[in-house]
Amino acid sequence: MDEQKKALTDRQQEVYNFIRSRTEEAKLPPTVREIGEKFDISSTNGVRSILAALIKKGYIKRAPRLSRGIEIIEEEAKPTIQPENSIEIPIIGRVAAGTPILAVQNLEGTVTVDRDFLASQPNVFALHVKGDSMINAGIFDGDLVFARAQTVANRGEIIIAQVDDEATVKYYQPQDDHIELRPANPKYSPIIVKPDHKFSIAGRVIGVMRKIN
């Protein structure tokens, strides 16, 4: 039913509107390539991830073997209205080599949270934690950490770092000739990032969400 459908992100809404208007005007849905050209998305995987989100949220159906196999679900065509005090946060999946962490092809879904939970901070993304290297900081395997997207951080802050196309959650400790990414578990040694490594700060951790079984 409509009230059970999840709200769309701005980009998902734009793509949905384009599919709907193109289907109504041309009597045929657009192809994946046409959607990519319309929104300047160079990767077909990027378009497919958006279509997968629209399918999951109940707005379209798709026959993957047909080039124009996109079908609007008419009985649920009207997008739901996101609650006024909530915000939809993109969740980062596996980081694609050579791409910014928030590139479309890195996204695996979204999570809706109350704005007050994140103190209404802008430009927030989420990342599933794998492993127990930050347990003494209260971050456990399977947790969802929220980070504000930024490229700089202060010493001692917990950051999302990209090292050679891998994302990691660690304490930021810059040194004179290298950067240390320190864990919060004595079982693990710091990651030493020397100048010949590709390194960037993707964000600063501002919150943690845990699923209770």
Protein backbone atom coordinates (compact mmCIF):
# COMPACT_ATOMS: atom_id res chain seq x y z
CA MET A 1 0.00 0.00 0.00
CA ASP A 2 1.10 3.60 -0.61
CA GLU A 3 1.58 4.40 3.09
CA GLN A 4 4.04 1.54 3.38
CA LYS A 5 6.28 2.71 0.56
CA LYS A 6 9.59 4.32 1.38
CA ALA A 7 10.37 7.87 0.36
CA LEU A 8 12.69 8.53 -2.57
CA THR A 9 15.95 10.43 -2.55
CA ASP A 10 16.11 13.49 -4.81
CA ARG A 11 17.99 11.59 -7.52
CA GLN A 12 15.64 8.58 -7.32
CA GLN A 13 12.67 10.94 -7.62
CA GLU A 14 14.20 12.63 -10.68
CA VAL A 15 14.80 9.30 -12.39
CA TYR A 16 11.32 8.05 -11.48
CA ASN A 17 9.73 11.24 -12.87
CA PHE A 18 11.74 10.87 -16.09
CA ILE A 19 10.70 7.23 -16.54
CA ARG A 20 7.06 8.12 -15.92
CA SER A 21 6.98 11.14 -18.23
CA ARG A 22 8.90 9.34 -20.98
CA THR A 23 6.56 6.34 -20.74
CA GLU A 24 3.48 8.59 -20.94
CA GLU A 25 4.80 10.73 -23.82
CA ALA A 26 6.51 8.12 -26.00
CA LYS A 27 4.40 5.13 -24.90
CA LEU A 28 7.72 3.37 -24.23
CA PRO A 29 9.96 3.46 -21.15
CA PRO A 30 13.54 4.71 -21.55
CA THR A 31 16.52 2.36 -21.74
CA VAL A 32 19.25 2.24 -19.09
CA ARG A 33 21.55 4.09 -21.49
CA GLU A 34 18.98 6.83 -22.12
CA ILE A 35 18.55 7.34 -18.37
CA GLY A 36 22.32 7.58 -17.99
CA GLU A 37 22.55 10.17 -20.77
CA LYS A 38 19.68 12.21 -19.30
CA PHE A 39 21.32 12.47 -15.87
CA ASP A 40 24.97 12.37 -16.96
CA ILE A 41 25.62 9.03 -15.25
CA SER A 42 28.50 7.45 -17.17
CA SER A 43 28.26 4.01 -15.53
CA THR A 44 25.36 1.71 -16.45
CA ASN A 45 25.85 0.14 -13.01
CA GLY A 46 25.07 3.54 -11.52
CA VAL A 47 21.73 3.64 -13.35
CA ARG A 48 20.97 0.04 -12.40
CA SER A 49 21.55 0.80 -8.71
CA ILE A 50 18.96 3.59 -8.88
CA LEU A 51 16.52 1.31 -10.69
CA ALA A 52 17.14 -1.38 -8.06
CA ALA A 53 16.21 1.13 -5.35
CA LEU A 54 12.99 2.07 -7.21
CA ILE A 55 12.12 -1.62 -7.51
CA LYS A 56 12.82 -2.26 -3.83
CA LYS A 57 10.69 0.72 -2.82
CA GLY A 58 7.80 -0.47 -4.98
CA TYR A 59 7.71 2.18 -7.71
CA ILE A 60 8.68 0.16 -10.78
CA LYS A 61 9.06 -3.40 -12.07
CA ARG A 62 11.76 -4.45 -14.49
CA ALA A 63 12.40 -7.25 -16.95
CA PRO A 64 16.23 -7.21 -16.96
CA ARG A 65 16.62 -9.00 -20.31
CA LEU A 66 14.60 -6.37 -22.18
CA SER A 67 16.24 -3.06 -23.12
CA ARG A 68 12.98 -1.21 -22.35
CA GLY A 69 11.73 -3.58 -19.69
CA ILE A 70 10.82 -0.91 -17.10
CA GLU A 71 7.20 -0.77 -15.96
CA ILE A 72 5.61 1.79 -13.63
CA ILE A 73 3.58 0.24 -10.82
CA GLU A 74 0.46 2.33 -11.34
CA GLU A 75 -1.36 1.46 -8.15
CA GLU A 76 1.63 2.71 -6.18
CA ALA A 77 2.79 5.39 -8.55
CA LYS A 78 2.42 8.36 -6.21
CA PRO A 79 5.60 8.77 -4.15
CA THR A 80 5.13 8.78 -0.42
CA ILE A 81 5.81 11.92 1.55
CA GLN A 82 8.79 11.62 3.83
CA PRO A 83 8.02 12.63 7.42
CA GLU A 84 8.88 16.29 7.97
CA ASN A 85 11.47 15.64 10.68
CA SER A 86 13.20 12.68 9.02
CA ILE A 87 16.07 12.46 6.57
CA GLU A 88 17.17 9.71 4.20
CA ILE A 89 20.88 8.91 4.47
CA PRO A 90 22.82 7.07 1.73
CA ILE A 91 24.58 3.87 2.84
CA ILE A 92 28.01 3.19 1.36
CA GLY A 93 28.70 -0.35 0.23
CA ARG A 94 31.93 -1.67 -1.25
CA VAL A 95 34.09 1.20 -2.46
CA ALA A 96 34.73 1.03 -6.19
CA ALA A 97 38.41 1.41 -7.11
CA GLY A 98 39.38 4.92 -8.11
CA THR A 99 36.00 6.51 -7.34
CA PRO A 100 34.95 8.98 -4.63
CA ILE A 101 33.30 7.27 -1.69
CA LEU A 102 29.92 8.89 -2.41
CA ALA A 103 29.89 7.92 -6.10
CA VAL A 104 26.63 6.31 -7.24
CA GLN A 105 28.27 2.95 -7.85
CA ASN A 106 29.34 2.75 -4.20
CA LEU A 107 25.83 3.14 -2.77
CA GLU A 108 23.98 0.08 -1.49
CA GLY A 109 20.80 1.69 -0.16
CA THR A 110 19.50 4.29 2.27
CA VAL A 111 18.35 4.55 5.86
CA THR A 112 15.76 7.01 7.18
CA VAL A 113 16.47 8.58 10.57
CA ASP A 114 15.16 11.45 12.66
CA ARG A 115 16.96 14.71 11.92
CA ASP A 116 17.46 15.27 15.65
CA PHE A 117 19.49 12.03 15.86
CA LEU A 118 22.12 13.68 13.69
CA ALA A 119 21.65 17.15 15.17
CA SER A 120 20.43 18.27 11.73
CA GLN A 121 23.96 18.14 10.35
CA PRO A 122 24.17 18.32 6.53
CA ASN A 123 25.99 16.08 4.04
CA VAL A 124 25.77 12.88 6.08
CA PHE A 125 26.36 9.35 4.83
CA ALA A 126 26.38 5.94 6.54
CA LEU A 127 28.69 2.94 6.42
CA HIS A 128 28.32 -0.62 7.74
CA VAL A 129 31.15 -1.54 10.10
CA LYS A 130 32.97 -4.81 9.50
CA GLY A 131 35.21 -6.19 12.25
CA ASP A 132 35.94 -5.32 15.87
CA SER A 133 38.85 -2.89 15.57
CA MET A 134 36.85 0.01 17.11
CA ILE A 135 34.99 -1.77 19.93
CA ASN A 136 36.58 0.34 22.69
CA ALA A 137 35.11 3.40 20.98
CA GLY A 138 31.64 1.81 21.17
CA ILE A 139 31.60 0.81 17.50
CA PHE A 140 30.90 -2.89 16.92
CA ASP A 141 30.81 -5.28 13.99
CA GLY A 142 27.58 -4.76 12.04
CA ASP A 143 26.93 -1.26 13.39
CA LEU A 144 25.89 1.53 11.05
CA VAL A 145 28.11 4.58 11.56
CA PHE A 146 27.05 8.01 10.37
CA ALA A 147 29.64 10.46 9.10
CA ARG A 148 29.54 14.05 7.97
CA ALA A 149 31.23 14.30 4.58
CA GLN A 150 34.39 16.39 4.89
CA THR A 151 37.97 16.20 3.64
CA VAL A 152 39.79 17.44 6.76
CA ALA A 153 39.71 16.41 10.41
CA ASN A 154 41.30 17.22 13.74
CA ARG A 155 43.79 14.96 15.46
CA GLY A 156 42.04 12.31 17.56
CA GLU A 157 38.73 12.40 15.72
CA ILE A 158 37.16 9.20 14.41
CA ILE A 159 37.07 9.39 10.64
CA ILE A 160 36.10 7.45 7.55
CA ALA A 161 39.32 7.22 5.58
CA GLN A 162 40.02 5.92 2.10
CA VAL A 163 43.36 4.15 1.82
CA ASP A 164 44.20 2.66 -1.59
CA ASP A 165 40.48 2.40 -2.50
CA GLU A 166 39.45 0.79 0.80
CA ALA A 167 37.28 2.55 3.38
CA THR A 168 38.14 2.20 7.07
CA VAL A 169 36.89 3.66 10.37
CA LYS A 170 39.75 4.73 12.67
CA TYR A 171 41.14 7.46 14.93
CA TYR A 172 42.99 10.09 12.91
CA GLN A 173 46.55 10.73 14.13
CA PRO A 174 48.67 12.67 11.61
CA GLN A 175 52.45 12.62 12.12
CA ASP A 176 55.29 14.62 10.55
CA ASP A 177 56.07 12.15 7.76
CA HIS A 178 53.07 9.81 7.78
CA ILE A 179 49.50 9.34 9.00
CA GLU A 180 48.48 6.85 11.64
CA LEU A 181 44.98 5.43 11.62
CA ARG A 182 44.61 4.00 15.09
CA PRO A 183 42.14 1.28 16.13
CA ALA A 184 40.27 1.18 19.43
CA ASN A 185 41.17 -2.41 20.19
CA PRO A 186 44.60 -3.48 21.52
CA LYS A 187 44.51 -6.60 19.31
CA TYR A 188 45.17 -4.43 16.27
CA SER A 189 48.10 -2.27 15.20
CA PRO A 190 47.71 1.19 13.66
CA ILE A 191 47.52 1.52 9.90
CA ILE A 192 50.57 3.49 8.78
CA VAL A 193 49.85 5.60 5.71
CA LYS A 194 53.02 6.79 4.01
CA PRO A 195 53.19 9.46 1.29
CA ASP A 196 53.28 6.86 -1.50
CA HIS A 197 49.80 5.59 -0.53
CA LYS A 198 46.56 7.03 -1.85
CA PHE A 199 44.83 8.58 1.17
CA SER A 200 41.84 10.82 1.68
CA ILE A 201 39.41 11.69 4.45
CA ALA A 202 35.81 11.00 3.45
CA GLY A 203 34.07 12.12 6.64
CA ARG A 204 34.02 12.48 10.42
CA VAL A 205 31.96 9.99 12.44
CA ILE A 206 29.07 11.70 14.23
CA GLY A 207 26.79 8.81 15.24
CA VAL A 208 26.31 5.07 15.52
CA MET A 209 23.19 2.93 15.05
CA ARG A 210 23.01 -0.68 16.24
CA LYS A 211 20.43 -3.32 15.42
CA ILE A 212 19.26 -5.17 18.52
CA ASN A 213 18.28 -8.78 17.85
